[in-house]
Amino acid sequence: KRAELVEIITTHINADFDAMASMIAAKKLYPEAVMVFPGSQENNLREFLVESTFYFFDFAKIRDLDFSKISRLILVDTRQAGRIGKFENLAKEARIDIHIYDHHPNSEDDVSGSVEVVKPVGATVTILTEIIRERSIQLTPDEATILTLGIYEDTGSFTFSSTTPEDYKAAGFLLEQGANLNLVSDMLTRELTAEQISLLHDLIHSATTHTINTIPICIA
């Protein structure tokens, strides 16, 4: 048991590259915190973690945590209680200090925190990259590459209409820090084609949610 731990960095279940990159970026702001996925990861991310040389990023396993020792929960790329798996009940405890970094719109399921940095940018890692730059925190080329991958994925390589100037500025800073665009490109070629991205964009923007017998149904 890693019983001495008090700060946990986590994200949503079915984590994607932006979620992972945001966790790694948050670790630069909270160096004593431990990164833990709350549940499963998307296929591309699982393949990346298995195949890549970035195994040295120290992700703990949720089963190794002593929940009674946790005093702070740092949520990235989500603030919805229903999306953080086993941490949902912990987030409801009054003793837990919650810090939030997210780029998603408000929802009824959101938890609140003592620190909330929520901005309508293309990727959550953009928000954290801005803070890293403002605090003059140094990144390794590997760290910069992962953070860049998160921005490229969540902005559709800067093609989604949700992309903002802040996303471009963050990517520019990460490139200055030594981000490897060849690796980013290699990883993203496993993702959606341009036609699929366009279709996904249309689906997202035409989506409406209806509650039927207490179950939210999304139609696009």
C-alpha atoms as a PDB file:
ATOM      1  CA  LYS A   1       0.000   0.000   0.000  1.00  0.00           C
ATOM      2  CA  ARG A   2       1.244   3.482  -0.828  1.00  0.00           C
ATOM      3  CA  ALA A   3      -0.196   4.709   2.452  1.00  0.00           C
ATOM      4  CA  GLU A   4       1.816   7.925   2.678  1.00  0.00           C
ATOM      5  CA  LEU A   5       0.125   9.501  -0.337  1.00  0.00           C
ATOM      6  CA  VAL A   6      -2.261  12.393   0.144  1.00  0.00           C
ATOM      7  CA  GLU A   7      -2.573  13.999  -3.311  1.00  0.00           C
ATOM      8  CA  ILE A   8      -4.061  12.136  -6.266  1.00  0.00           C
ATOM      9  CA  ILE A   9      -4.176  13.301  -9.902  1.00  0.00           C
ATOM     10  CA  THR A  10      -6.885  11.560 -11.891  1.00  0.00           C
ATOM     11  CA  THR A  11      -9.163  12.005 -14.890  1.00  0.00           C
ATOM     12  CA  HIS A  12     -12.221  10.416 -16.485  1.00  0.00           C
ATOM     13  CA  ILE A  13     -12.757   6.747 -17.269  1.00  0.00           C
ATOM     14  CA  ASN A  14     -12.020   5.822 -20.903  1.00  0.00           C
ATOM     15  CA  ALA A  15      -9.155   8.295 -20.732  1.00  0.00           C
ATOM     16  CA  ASP A  16      -7.794   9.677 -24.006  1.00  0.00           C
ATOM     17  CA  PHE A  17      -4.517  11.415 -24.857  1.00  0.00           C
ATOM     18  CA  ASP A  18      -5.695  14.808 -23.583  1.00  0.00           C
ATOM     19  CA  ALA A  19      -6.634  13.198 -20.272  1.00  0.00           C
ATOM     20  CA  MET A  20      -3.245  11.475 -19.936  1.00  0.00           C
ATOM     21  CA  ALA A  21      -1.330  14.560 -21.066  1.00  0.00           C
ATOM     22  CA  SER A  22      -3.268  16.687 -18.582  1.00  0.00           C
ATOM     23  CA  MET A  23      -2.359  14.291 -15.779  1.00  0.00           C
ATOM     24  CA  ILE A  24       1.323  14.523 -16.684  1.00  0.00           C
ATOM     25  CA  ALA A  25       1.083  18.325 -16.919  1.00  0.00           C
ATOM     26  CA  ALA A  26      -0.649  18.486 -13.531  1.00  0.00           C
ATOM     27  CA  LYS A  27       2.183  16.416 -12.070  1.00  0.00           C
ATOM     28  CA  LYS A  28       4.519  19.286 -12.967  1.00  0.00           C
ATOM     29  CA  LEU A  29       2.335  21.600 -10.851  1.00  0.00           C
ATOM     30  CA  TYR A  30       1.849  19.077  -8.039  1.00  0.00           C
ATOM     31  CA  PRO A  31       5.162  17.174  -7.918  1.00  0.00           C
ATOM     32  CA  GLU A  32       4.212  15.268  -4.751  1.00  0.00           C
ATOM     33  CA  ALA A  33       0.945  13.994  -6.232  1.00  0.00           C
ATOM     34  CA  VAL A  34       0.435  10.526  -7.674  1.00  0.00           C
ATOM     35  CA  MET A  35      -1.178   9.913 -11.074  1.00  0.00           C
ATOM     36  CA  VAL A  36      -3.899   7.270 -11.162  1.00  0.00           C
ATOM     37  CA  PHE A  37      -6.306   6.317 -13.942  1.00  0.00           C
ATOM     38  CA  PRO A  38      -9.809   5.817 -12.472  1.00  0.00           C
ATOM     39  CA  GLY A  39     -10.644   2.993 -14.858  1.00  0.00           C
ATOM     40  CA  SER A  40     -10.095   1.865 -18.423  1.00  0.00           C
ATOM     41  CA  GLN A  41      -8.328   3.845 -21.131  1.00  0.00           C
ATOM     42  CA  GLU A  42      -9.284   4.228 -24.790  1.00  0.00           C
ATOM     43  CA  ASN A  43      -7.697   1.650 -27.114  1.00  0.00           C
ATOM     44  CA  ASN A  44      -5.225   4.084 -28.689  1.00  0.00           C
ATOM     45  CA  LEU A  45      -4.004   5.193 -25.288  1.00  0.00           C
ATOM     46  CA  ARG A  46      -3.665   1.611 -24.055  1.00  0.00           C
ATOM     47  CA  GLU A  47      -1.591   0.725 -27.125  1.00  0.00           C
ATOM     48  CA  PHE A  48       0.533   3.814 -26.599  1.00  0.00           C
ATOM     49  CA  LEU A  49       1.239   2.984 -22.956  1.00  0.00           C
ATOM     50  CA  VAL A  50       2.167  -0.591 -23.880  1.00  0.00           C
ATOM     51  CA  GLU A  51       4.317   0.170 -26.921  1.00  0.00           C
ATOM     52  CA  SER A  52       5.941   3.510 -26.174  1.00  0.00           C
ATOM     53  CA  THR A  53       9.159   4.326 -24.406  1.00  0.00           C
ATOM     54  CA  PHE A  54       7.221   6.572 -22.030  1.00  0.00           C
ATOM     55  CA  TYR A  55       6.814   3.782 -19.497  1.00  0.00           C
ATOM     56  CA  PHE A  56       8.833   5.873 -17.023  1.00  0.00           C
ATOM     57  CA  PHE A  57       5.818   8.086 -16.335  1.00  0.00           C
ATOM     58  CA  ASP A  58       4.842   6.746 -12.945  1.00  0.00           C
ATOM     59  CA  PHE A  59       1.157   5.850 -12.947  1.00  0.00           C
ATOM     60  CA  ALA A  60      -0.027   4.123  -9.782  1.00  0.00           C
ATOM     61  CA  LYS A  61      -2.683   1.419  -9.723  1.00  0.00           C
ATOM     62  CA  ILE A  62      -5.936   2.288  -8.036  1.00  0.00           C
ATOM     63  CA  ARG A  63      -5.893  -0.964  -6.054  1.00  0.00           C
ATOM     64  CA  ASP A  64      -2.658   0.150  -4.354  1.00  0.00           C
ATOM     65  CA  LEU A  65      -4.199   3.304  -2.877  1.00  0.00           C
ATOM     66  CA  ASP A  66      -5.249   3.737   0.722  1.00  0.00           C
ATOM     67  CA  PHE A  67      -8.316   5.926   0.209  1.00  0.00           C
ATOM     68  CA  SER A  68      -8.362   6.925   3.881  1.00  0.00           C
ATOM     69  CA  LYS A  69      -5.002   8.686   3.428  1.00  0.00           C
ATOM     70  CA  ILE A  70      -6.070  10.807   0.449  1.00  0.00           C
ATOM     71  CA  SER A  71      -6.702  14.454   1.303  1.00  0.00           C
ATOM     72  CA  ARG A  72      -6.629  16.140  -2.125  1.00  0.00           C
ATOM     73  CA  LEU A  73      -8.123  15.101  -5.457  1.00  0.00           C
ATOM     74  CA  ILE A  74      -6.805  16.869  -8.559  1.00  0.00           C
ATOM     75  CA  LEU A  75      -9.241  16.332 -11.429  1.00  0.00           C
ATOM     76  CA  VAL A  76      -8.159  17.005 -15.013  1.00  0.00           C
ATOM     77  CA  ASP A  77     -10.224  16.921 -18.216  1.00  0.00           C
ATOM     78  CA  THR A  78     -13.413  16.313 -16.230  1.00  0.00           C
ATOM     79  CA  ARG A  79     -15.357  17.493 -13.203  1.00  0.00           C
ATOM     80  CA  GLN A  80     -18.300  15.158 -13.568  1.00  0.00           C
ATOM     81  CA  ALA A  81     -18.683  12.911 -10.532  1.00  0.00           C
ATOM     82  CA  GLY A  82     -20.123  10.119 -12.663  1.00  0.00           C
ATOM     83  CA  ARG A  83     -17.007   9.957 -14.861  1.00  0.00           C
ATOM     84  CA  ILE A  84     -14.309   9.434 -12.223  1.00  0.00           C
ATOM     85  CA  GLY A  85     -15.079   5.838 -11.284  1.00  0.00           C
ATOM     86  CA  LYS A  86     -14.137   4.800  -7.766  1.00  0.00           C
ATOM     87  CA  PHE A  87     -13.168   8.358  -6.886  1.00  0.00           C
ATOM     88  CA  GLU A  88     -16.809   9.521  -7.107  1.00  0.00           C
ATOM     89  CA  ASN A  89     -17.633   8.738  -3.480  1.00  0.00           C
ATOM     90  CA  LEU A  90     -14.317  10.172  -2.316  1.00  0.00           C
ATOM     91  CA  ALA A  91     -15.070  13.460  -4.093  1.00  0.00           C
ATOM     92  CA  LYS A  92     -18.244  13.799  -2.018  1.00  0.00           C
ATOM     93  CA  GLU A  93     -16.404  13.642   1.303  1.00  0.00           C
ATOM     94  CA  ALA A  94     -16.098  17.006   3.041  1.00  0.00           C
ATOM     95  CA  ARG A  95     -12.491  16.319   4.074  1.00  0.00           C
ATOM     96  CA  ILE A  96     -11.300  16.108   0.468  1.00  0.00           C
ATOM     97  CA  ASP A  97      -9.760  19.225  -1.085  1.00  0.00           C
ATOM     98  CA  ILE A  98     -10.614  19.235  -4.809  1.00  0.00           C
ATOM     99  CA  HIS A  99      -8.680  21.061  -7.532  1.00  0.00           C
ATOM    100  CA  ILE A 100     -10.189  21.100 -11.034  1.00  0.00           C
ATOM    101  CA  TYR A 101      -8.689  21.775 -14.482  1.00  0.00           C
ATOM    102  CA  ASP A 102     -11.178  21.275 -17.316  1.00  0.00           C
ATOM    103  CA  HIS A 103     -12.332  22.592 -20.681  1.00  0.00           C
ATOM    104  CA  HIS A 104     -15.804  21.032 -20.845  1.00  0.00           C
ATOM    105  CA  PRO A 105     -19.093  22.933 -20.458  1.00  0.00           C
ATOM    106  CA  ASN A 106     -20.950  22.866 -17.150  1.00  0.00           C
ATOM    107  CA  SER A 107     -23.119  19.861 -16.349  1.00  0.00           C
ATOM    108  CA  GLU A 108     -25.509  18.945 -13.561  1.00  0.00           C
ATOM    109  CA  ASP A 109     -23.106  16.245 -12.378  1.00  0.00           C
ATOM    110  CA  ASP A 110     -20.169  18.595 -11.748  1.00  0.00           C
ATOM    111  CA  VAL A 111     -18.303  18.565  -8.464  1.00  0.00           C
ATOM    112  CA  SER A 112     -16.956  21.840  -7.110  1.00  0.00           C
ATOM    113  CA  GLY A 113     -13.463  22.545  -5.847  1.00  0.00           C
ATOM    114  CA  SER A 114     -11.398  25.030  -3.878  1.00  0.00           C
ATOM    115  CA  VAL A 115      -9.464  25.586  -7.111  1.00  0.00           C
ATOM    116  CA  GLU A 116     -11.353  25.587 -10.419  1.00  0.00           C
ATOM    117  CA  VAL A 117      -9.599  26.521 -13.659  1.00  0.00           C
ATOM    118  CA  VAL A 118     -12.159  25.976 -16.406  1.00  0.00           C
ATOM    119  CA  LYS A 119     -11.716  27.581 -19.824  1.00  0.00           C
ATOM    120  CA  PRO A 120     -13.457  26.959 -23.177  1.00  0.00           C
ATOM    121  CA  VAL A 121     -10.288  25.981 -25.037  1.00  0.00           C
ATOM    122  CA  GLY A 122      -9.723  23.037 -27.356  1.00  0.00           C
ATOM    123  CA  ALA A 123      -7.907  20.824 -24.848  1.00  0.00           C
ATOM    124  CA  THR A 124      -7.498  20.692 -21.087  1.00  0.00           C
ATOM    125  CA  VAL A 125      -3.742  20.297 -21.453  1.00  0.00           C
ATOM    126  CA  THR A 126      -3.710  23.760 -23.046  1.00  0.00           C
ATOM    127  CA  ILE A 127      -4.886  25.240 -19.729  1.00  0.00           C
ATOM    128  CA  LEU A 128      -2.182  23.432 -17.788  1.00  0.00           C
ATOM    129  CA  THR A 129       0.495  24.277 -20.351  1.00  0.00           C
ATOM    130  CA  GLU A 130      -0.332  27.978 -19.912  1.00  0.00           C
ATOM    131  CA  ILE A 131       0.245  27.674 -16.158  1.00  0.00           C
ATOM    132  CA  ILE A 132       3.493  25.760 -16.693  1.00  0.00           C
ATOM    133  CA  ARG A 133       4.711  28.509 -19.035  1.00  0.00           C
ATOM    134  CA  GLU A 134       3.663  31.295 -16.653  1.00  0.00           C
ATOM    135  CA  ARG A 135       5.545  29.630 -13.793  1.00  0.00           C
ATOM    136  CA  SER A 136       8.634  29.023 -15.938  1.00  0.00           C
ATOM    137  CA  ILE A 137       8.538  25.284 -15.195  1.00  0.00           C
ATOM    138  CA  GLN A 138      10.923  23.333 -17.398  1.00  0.00           C
ATOM    139  CA  LEU A 139       9.688  20.394 -19.473  1.00  0.00           C
ATOM    140  CA  THR A 140      11.716  17.556 -20.944  1.00  0.00           C
ATOM    141  CA  PRO A 141      11.271  16.892 -24.677  1.00  0.00           C
ATOM    142  CA  ASP A 142       9.363  13.704 -23.790  1.00  0.00           C
ATOM    143  CA  GLU A 143       6.970  15.610 -21.534  1.00  0.00           C
ATOM    144  CA  ALA A 144       6.510  18.303 -24.179  1.00  0.00           C
ATOM    145  CA  THR A 145       5.746  15.622 -26.778  1.00  0.00           C
ATOM    146  CA  ILE A 146       3.036  14.021 -24.636  1.00  0.00           C
ATOM    147  CA  LEU A 147       1.424  17.382 -23.886  1.00  0.00           C
ATOM    148  CA  THR A 148       1.480  18.273 -27.590  1.00  0.00           C
ATOM    149  CA  LEU A 149      -0.146  14.934 -28.430  1.00  0.00           C
ATOM    150  CA  GLY A 150      -3.020  15.818 -26.094  1.00  0.00           C
ATOM    151  CA  ILE A 151      -3.580  19.167 -27.800  1.00  0.00           C
ATOM    152  CA  TYR A 152      -3.415  17.705 -31.314  1.00  0.00           C
ATOM    153  CA  GLU A 153      -5.856  14.920 -30.448  1.00  0.00           C
ATOM    154  CA  ASP A 154      -8.503  17.076 -28.782  1.00  0.00           C
ATOM    155  CA  THR A 155      -8.376  19.804 -31.447  1.00  0.00           C
ATOM    156  CA  GLY A 156      -8.338  17.366 -34.376  1.00  0.00           C
ATOM    157  CA  SER A 157      -4.883  18.722 -35.260  1.00  0.00           C
ATOM    158  CA  PHE A 158      -6.340  22.242 -34.987  1.00  0.00           C
ATOM    159  CA  THR A 159      -9.267  21.516 -37.332  1.00  0.00           C
ATOM    160  CA  PHE A 160     -12.122  21.369 -34.788  1.00  0.00           C
ATOM    161  CA  SER A 161     -14.156  24.563 -34.429  1.00  0.00           C
ATOM    162  CA  SER A 162     -13.502  24.357 -30.682  1.00  0.00           C
ATOM    163  CA  THR A 163      -9.832  25.188 -31.338  1.00  0.00           C
ATOM    164  CA  THR A 164      -8.722  28.524 -29.879  1.00  0.00           C
ATOM    165  CA  PRO A 165      -5.660  30.789 -30.215  1.00  0.00           C
ATOM    166  CA  GLU A 166      -4.615  29.541 -26.778  1.00  0.00           C
ATOM    167  CA  ASP A 167      -4.245  26.021 -28.186  1.00  0.00           C
ATOM    168  CA  TYR A 168      -1.889  27.264 -30.885  1.00  0.00           C
ATOM    169  CA  LYS A 169       0.123  29.282 -28.344  1.00  0.00           C
ATOM    170  CA  ALA A 170       0.432  26.277 -26.023  1.00  0.00           C
ATOM    171  CA  ALA A 171       1.582  24.047 -28.889  1.00  0.00           C
ATOM    172  CA  GLY A 172       4.129  26.676 -29.928  1.00  0.00           C
ATOM    173  CA  PHE A 173       5.544  26.782 -26.407  1.00  0.00           C
ATOM    174  CA  LEU A 174       5.722  22.967 -26.289  1.00  0.00           C
ATOM    175  CA  LEU A 175       7.554  22.922 -29.617  1.00  0.00           C
ATOM    176  CA  GLU A 176      10.096  25.311 -28.096  1.00  0.00           C
ATOM    177  CA  GLN A 177      10.475  22.799 -25.248  1.00  0.00           C
ATOM    178  CA  GLY A 178      11.502  20.112 -27.724  1.00  0.00           C
ATOM    179  CA  ALA A 179       8.240  18.342 -28.604  1.00  0.00           C
ATOM    180  CA  ASN A 180       8.740  15.659 -31.269  1.00  0.00           C
ATOM    181  CA  LEU A 181       6.144  16.238 -33.988  1.00  0.00           C
ATOM    182  CA  ASN A 182       7.184  13.074 -35.805  1.00  0.00           C
ATOM    183  CA  LEU A 183       6.062  11.010 -32.836  1.00  0.00           C
ATOM    184  CA  VAL A 184       2.871  13.052 -32.523  1.00  0.00           C
ATOM    185  CA  SER A 185       2.146  12.432 -36.199  1.00  0.00           C
ATOM    186  CA  ASP A 186       2.841   8.706 -35.859  1.00  0.00           C
ATOM    187  CA  MET A 187       0.410   8.412 -32.956  1.00  0.00           C
ATOM    188  CA  LEU A 188      -2.319  10.438 -34.614  1.00  0.00           C
ATOM    189  CA  THR A 189      -2.224   8.428 -37.839  1.00  0.00           C
ATOM    190  CA  ARG A 190      -3.790   5.628 -35.789  1.00  0.00           C
ATOM    191  CA  GLU A 191      -6.671   7.935 -35.045  1.00  0.00           C
ATOM    192  CA  LEU A 192      -9.542   9.138 -37.229  1.00  0.00           C
ATOM    193  CA  THR A 193      -9.213  10.091 -40.883  1.00  0.00           C
ATOM    194  CA  ALA A 194     -10.073  13.631 -41.993  1.00  0.00           C
ATOM    195  CA  GLU A 195     -13.465  12.399 -43.228  1.00  0.00           C
ATOM    196  CA  GLN A 196     -14.157  10.659 -39.924  1.00  0.00           C
ATOM    197  CA  ILE A 197     -13.127  13.755 -37.970  1.00  0.00           C
ATOM    198  CA  SER A 198     -15.526  15.845 -40.069  1.00  0.00           C
ATOM    199  CA  LEU A 199     -18.337  13.383 -39.426  1.00  0.00           C
ATOM    200  CA  LEU A 200     -17.563  13.296 -35.692  1.00  0.00           C
ATOM    201  CA  HIS A 201     -17.603  17.096 -35.650  1.00  0.00           C
ATOM    202  CA  ASP A 202     -21.064  17.113 -37.262  1.00  0.00           C
ATOM    203  CA  LEU A 203     -22.318  14.475 -34.821  1.00  0.00           C
ATOM    204  CA  ILE A 204     -21.067  16.398 -31.792  1.00  0.00           C
ATOM    205  CA  HIS A 205     -22.643  19.660 -32.915  1.00  0.00           C
ATOM    206  CA  SER A 206     -25.984  18.117 -33.839  1.00  0.00           C
ATOM    207  CA  ALA A 207     -26.208  16.050 -30.650  1.00  0.00           C
ATOM    208  CA  THR A 208     -29.147  16.566 -28.289  1.00  0.00           C
ATOM    209  CA  THR A 209     -29.668  14.783 -24.988  1.00  0.00           C
ATOM    210  CA  HIS A 210     -33.069  13.620 -23.770  1.00  0.00           C
ATOM    211  CA  THR A 211     -33.807  12.054 -20.391  1.00  0.00           C
ATOM    212  CA  ILE A 212     -36.071   9.037 -20.770  1.00  0.00           C
ATOM    213  CA  ASN A 213     -36.994   7.117 -17.614  1.00  0.00           C
ATOM    214  CA  THR A 214     -34.045   8.809 -15.807  1.00  0.00           C
ATOM    215  CA  ILE A 215     -31.617   7.560 -18.468  1.00  0.00           C
ATOM    216  CA  PRO A 216     -29.852  10.238 -20.593  1.00  0.00           C
ATOM    217  CA  ILE A 217     -30.140   9.382 -24.309  1.00  0.00           C
ATOM    218  CA  CYS A 218     -27.967  11.253 -26.803  1.00  0.00           C
ATOM    219  CA  ILE A 219     -29.283  11.591 -30.375  1.00  0.00           C
ATOM    220  CA  ALA A 220     -27.274  13.008 -33.274  1.00  0.00           C
END
